[in-house]
Amino acid sequence: MAEGNAQSRYVRLTKEQAPVEDITPGELNQPIEVPQLIVHRCHECGQTLPESYQPPADEDWTTGICGCADDTESCLSGLFCPCVLFGRNVETLREDILWTNACVCHAICVEGGMAVAAATALLHGIDPKTSFLICESLFFAWWMCGIYTGLFRQSLQKKYHLKNSPCDPCLVHCCMHSCALCQEHREMKNHLSDNAVMPTTAVDPPPIQQMSSSNEEKTDSASPPEPSKDPESNNLELQPL
């Protein structure tokens, strides 16, 4: 009786009841990415690496931070138009980012803050009322210069296993922004030139081998060797031991 009086757990569906949600064919058969199954392996030995593994930064930069004169083109671009040079560097490092997007972001964050400070000083002069706006604009440009461009310098160091030279990437861009951009451009240019020129070894193809189907060669190779016709070789003597 207790079982009969208990409420049923099943709900009867009616024809008027609409489906909860529409499911397109094939929607439930999509592959699912499981983060626990994504394993990072070493490129040389294939050993499984932990998630917290960071490649060792033990390589030196090919050029110094003050070697801007080694490349005249990048030196002029970094001095008079650093946003364009930064965009070119980002496009070389990250193929999914266009150089125009990085150039516009650099121009708005860095050059934009400096332009606001310069325009405020020229139009309204430097007084207690405008000094706060000027300092705020310069600080914004300096902070964005170090953080935004320093992150890409850090990505470059991880890609080529480079050391912090001469100090942290963000501090390098805060203190020597133009020199850092020129150094990064020369570094990627040197690595690309090294990858382009690869030593090649000339290997001669093996000689062409032809199969002969003549009956004479088959008979000669299959027939046993003829006995020697020398009479001396047939006379064998048995000597007691």
Protein backbone atom coordinates (compact mmCIF):
# COMPACT_ATOMS: atom_id res chain seq x y z
CA MET A 1 0.00 0.00 0.00
CA ALA A 2 2.84 2.36 0.80
CA GLU A 3 4.34 1.78 -2.59
CA GLY A 4 1.03 2.44 -4.32
CA ASN A 5 0.45 5.71 -2.47
CA ALA A 6 3.97 6.99 -3.17
CA GLN A 7 4.25 9.61 -5.89
CA SER A 8 5.65 8.47 -9.20
CA ARG A 9 8.99 9.85 -10.30
CA TYR A 10 8.06 9.77 -13.97
CA VAL A 11 6.43 12.65 -15.84
CA ARG A 12 4.18 11.98 -18.79
CA LEU A 13 4.90 14.16 -21.78
CA THR A 14 2.06 15.52 -23.86
CA LYS A 15 1.96 16.47 -27.53
CA GLU A 16 1.42 20.15 -26.71
CA GLN A 17 4.68 20.31 -24.75
CA ALA A 18 7.39 22.07 -26.79
CA PRO A 19 11.00 20.87 -26.76
CA VAL A 20 13.26 22.58 -24.28
CA GLU A 21 15.86 23.54 -26.87
CA ASP A 22 16.58 22.79 -30.49
CA ILE A 23 19.58 20.58 -31.19
CA THR A 24 21.02 20.61 -34.67
CA PRO A 25 22.23 17.31 -36.18
CA GLY A 26 25.85 16.65 -35.37
CA GLU A 27 26.01 19.17 -32.55
CA LEU A 28 26.59 16.55 -29.89
CA ASN A 29 29.36 14.84 -31.87
CA GLN A 30 31.87 17.69 -31.63
CA PRO A 31 35.29 16.88 -30.09
CA ILE A 32 35.85 18.01 -26.54
CA GLU A 33 39.20 19.38 -25.39
CA VAL A 34 40.26 18.05 -22.03
CA PRO A 35 42.99 20.21 -20.42
CA GLN A 36 44.26 17.28 -18.38
CA LEU A 37 45.11 15.35 -21.56
CA ILE A 38 47.16 18.17 -23.13
CA VAL A 39 50.77 17.16 -22.46
CA HIS A 40 53.83 19.28 -23.24
CA ARG A 41 56.85 17.30 -24.40
CA CYS A 42 60.47 18.12 -24.99
CA HIS A 43 61.32 18.72 -28.66
CA GLU A 44 64.63 16.85 -28.39
CA CYS A 45 63.96 13.75 -26.26
CA GLY A 46 60.14 13.66 -26.18
CA GLN A 47 59.97 13.54 -22.38
CA THR A 48 56.80 14.81 -20.71
CA LEU A 49 57.26 18.24 -19.15
CA PRO A 50 55.32 19.61 -16.15
CA GLU A 51 52.92 22.50 -16.58
CA SER A 52 55.13 24.83 -14.57
CA TYR A 53 58.20 24.16 -16.75
CA GLN A 54 59.89 27.20 -18.27
CA PRO A 55 62.69 26.85 -20.84
CA PRO A 56 66.09 27.95 -19.55
CA ALA A 57 67.09 31.46 -20.57
CA ASP A 58 70.80 30.91 -21.13
CA GLU A 59 71.38 32.48 -24.56
CA ASP A 60 72.99 35.87 -25.04
CA TRP A 61 71.65 38.54 -27.37
CA THR A 62 73.45 38.73 -30.69
CA THR A 63 73.76 42.53 -30.38
CA GLY A 64 73.94 44.88 -27.43
CA ILE A 65 71.34 47.36 -26.27
CA CYS A 66 73.46 50.25 -27.53
CA GLY A 67 74.25 48.73 -30.94
CA CYS A 68 71.69 50.82 -32.83
CA ALA A 69 74.29 51.94 -35.36
CA ASP A 70 74.66 48.35 -36.64
CA ASP A 71 71.36 48.65 -38.52
CA THR A 72 70.72 52.13 -39.91
CA GLU A 73 67.18 51.41 -41.11
CA SER A 74 65.88 50.20 -37.75
CA CYS A 75 67.79 52.96 -35.97
CA LEU A 76 66.03 55.69 -37.95
CA SER A 77 62.63 54.00 -37.56
CA GLY A 78 63.03 53.56 -33.82
CA LEU A 79 64.13 57.17 -33.37
CA PHE A 80 61.58 59.03 -35.50
CA CYS A 81 58.69 56.53 -35.76
CA PRO A 82 58.90 53.88 -33.02
CA CYS A 83 55.27 52.80 -33.44
CA VAL A 84 55.99 51.49 -36.97
CA LEU A 85 59.08 49.59 -35.84
CA PHE A 86 57.14 48.11 -32.93
CA GLY A 87 54.39 46.97 -35.30
CA ARG A 88 56.93 45.27 -37.57
CA ASN A 89 58.51 43.49 -34.62
CA VAL A 90 55.16 42.24 -33.33
CA GLU A 91 54.12 40.96 -36.76
CA THR A 92 57.40 39.05 -37.08
CA LEU A 93 57.00 37.56 -33.62
CA ARG A 94 53.27 36.87 -33.80
CA GLU A 95 51.83 35.99 -37.19
CA ASP A 96 48.24 36.31 -35.92
CA ILE A 97 48.67 40.04 -35.15
CA LEU A 98 48.87 42.56 -37.98
CA TRP A 99 51.56 45.20 -37.76
CA THR A 100 48.99 47.95 -38.28
CA ASN A 101 47.04 46.94 -35.16
CA ALA A 102 50.16 46.94 -32.99
CA CYS A 103 51.28 50.22 -34.54
CA VAL A 104 47.96 51.94 -33.77
CA CYS A 105 47.94 50.65 -30.18
CA HIS A 106 51.48 51.93 -29.66
CA ALA A 107 50.63 55.30 -31.20
CA ILE A 108 47.55 55.74 -29.01
CA CYS A 109 49.14 54.62 -25.74
CA VAL A 110 52.66 56.04 -25.99
CA GLU A 111 52.69 58.79 -28.58
CA GLY A 112 49.13 59.80 -27.64
CA GLY A 113 50.03 60.48 -24.01
CA MET A 114 53.10 62.46 -24.98
CA ALA A 115 51.09 64.47 -27.54
CA VAL A 116 48.45 65.38 -24.93
CA ALA A 117 51.12 66.55 -22.50
CA ALA A 118 52.87 68.62 -25.17
CA ALA A 119 49.62 70.17 -26.41
CA THR A 120 48.56 71.09 -22.87
CA ALA A 121 51.89 72.76 -22.17
CA LEU A 122 51.84 74.74 -25.43
CA LEU A 123 48.22 75.89 -25.26
CA HIS A 124 47.76 76.51 -21.55
CA GLY A 125 51.30 76.77 -20.28
CA ILE A 126 52.81 75.04 -17.28
CA ASP A 127 51.10 76.15 -14.08
CA PRO A 128 49.64 74.41 -11.00
CA LYS A 129 46.36 73.84 -12.85
CA THR A 130 47.83 72.11 -15.90
CA SER A 131 50.85 70.45 -14.29
CA PHE A 132 48.70 67.61 -12.95
CA LEU A 133 47.30 66.84 -16.44
CA ILE A 134 50.77 67.00 -17.99
CA CYS A 135 52.28 64.69 -15.40
CA GLU A 136 49.35 62.29 -15.66
CA SER A 137 49.67 62.09 -19.46
CA LEU A 138 53.42 61.51 -19.29
CA PHE A 139 53.03 58.88 -16.58
CA PHE A 140 50.38 57.07 -18.63
CA ALA A 141 52.64 57.04 -21.68
CA TRP A 142 55.63 55.85 -19.62
CA TRP A 143 53.62 53.14 -17.86
CA MET A 144 52.05 51.82 -21.07
CA CYS A 145 55.42 51.97 -22.80
CA GLY A 146 56.96 49.70 -20.17
CA ILE A 147 54.07 47.25 -19.74
CA TYR A 148 52.69 46.94 -23.26
CA THR A 149 55.99 46.74 -25.12
CA GLY A 150 57.76 44.86 -22.32
CA LEU A 151 55.37 41.92 -22.66
CA PHE A 152 56.36 41.42 -26.30
CA ARG A 153 60.03 41.64 -25.38
CA GLN A 154 59.42 38.94 -22.79
CA SER A 155 57.76 36.74 -25.42
CA LEU A 156 60.78 37.24 -27.67
CA GLN A 157 63.12 36.15 -24.88
CA LYS A 158 61.08 33.00 -24.25
CA LYS A 159 61.04 32.11 -27.94
CA TYR A 160 64.83 32.32 -28.37
CA HIS A 161 65.78 31.50 -24.72
CA LEU A 162 67.41 34.90 -24.21
CA LYS A 163 68.60 36.36 -20.94
CA ASN A 164 67.36 39.58 -19.38
CA SER A 165 69.67 42.14 -20.94
CA PRO A 166 70.53 44.45 -19.36
CA CYS A 167 67.63 44.04 -16.88
CA ASP A 168 63.91 43.19 -16.75
CA PRO A 169 62.09 43.62 -20.11
CA CYS A 170 59.63 46.20 -18.74
CA LEU A 171 62.41 48.27 -17.15
CA VAL A 172 64.38 48.18 -20.39
CA HIS A 173 61.49 49.72 -22.32
CA CYS A 174 60.78 52.24 -19.58
CA CYS A 175 64.35 53.56 -19.62
CA MET A 176 65.58 52.87 -23.19
CA HIS A 177 62.50 52.34 -25.30
CA SER A 178 63.90 53.19 -28.74
CA CYS A 179 67.13 51.27 -28.17
CA ALA A 180 65.15 48.23 -26.99
CA LEU A 181 62.99 48.26 -30.13
CA CYS A 182 66.07 48.40 -32.35
CA GLN A 183 67.74 45.58 -30.44
CA GLU A 184 64.65 43.37 -30.76
CA HIS A 185 64.46 44.08 -34.50
CA ARG A 186 68.11 43.14 -35.00
CA GLU A 187 67.71 39.99 -32.90
CA MET A 188 64.78 38.66 -34.93
CA LYS A 189 66.50 39.65 -38.16
CA ASN A 190 69.62 37.69 -37.20
CA HIS A 191 67.63 34.61 -36.21
CA LEU A 192 65.63 34.67 -39.42
CA SER A 193 68.80 34.95 -41.48
CA ASP A 194 70.32 31.99 -39.61
CA ASN A 195 67.25 29.86 -40.30
CA ALA A 196 67.19 30.84 -43.97
CA VAL A 197 70.75 29.69 -44.71
CA MET A 198 70.85 25.99 -43.95
CA PRO A 199 73.80 23.77 -44.86
CA THR A 200 72.96 21.35 -47.64
CA THR A 201 74.69 18.11 -48.61
CA ALA A 202 74.77 16.93 -52.21
CA VAL A 203 73.88 13.26 -52.46
CA ASP A 204 74.40 11.41 -55.74
CA PRO A 205 71.61 9.01 -56.72
CA PRO A 206 72.47 5.32 -56.80
CA PRO A 207 73.24 3.78 -60.20
CA ILE A 208 70.38 2.27 -62.13
CA GLN A 209 70.32 -1.52 -61.89
CA GLN A 210 68.87 -3.56 -64.75
CA MET A 211 67.48 -7.06 -64.48
CA SER A 212 68.51 -9.49 -67.26
CA SER A 213 66.02 -12.20 -68.23
CA SER A 214 68.18 -14.18 -70.67
CA ASN A 215 68.00 -17.93 -70.44
CA GLU A 216 71.76 -18.28 -70.67
CA GLU A 217 72.39 -16.40 -67.44
CA LYS A 218 69.77 -18.46 -65.65
CA THR A 219 71.26 -21.75 -66.84
CA ASP A 220 74.78 -20.63 -66.00
CA SER A 221 73.81 -19.57 -62.52
CA ALA A 222 71.76 -22.74 -61.87
CA SER A 223 74.16 -25.33 -63.32
CA PRO A 224 76.76 -26.82 -60.96
CA PRO A 225 80.44 -26.18 -61.65
CA GLU A 226 82.05 -28.57 -64.13
CA PRO A 227 84.64 -31.04 -62.80
CA SER A 228 88.23 -30.26 -63.49
CA LYS A 229 89.75 -31.94 -66.53
CA ASP A 230 93.27 -32.02 -65.08
CA PRO A 231 94.30 -35.72 -64.60
CA GLU A 232 96.62 -34.88 -61.79
CA SER A 233 93.85 -33.34 -59.77
CA ASN A 234 91.75 -36.56 -60.08
CA ASN A 235 94.51 -38.91 -58.78
CA LEU A 236 94.16 -38.77 -55.03
CA GLU A 237 96.53 -40.67 -52.78
CA LEU A 238 95.62 -41.98 -49.34
CA GLN A 239 98.43 -41.82 -46.84
CA PRO A 240 98.30 -43.49 -43.43
CA LEU A 241 98.45 -41.26 -40.42
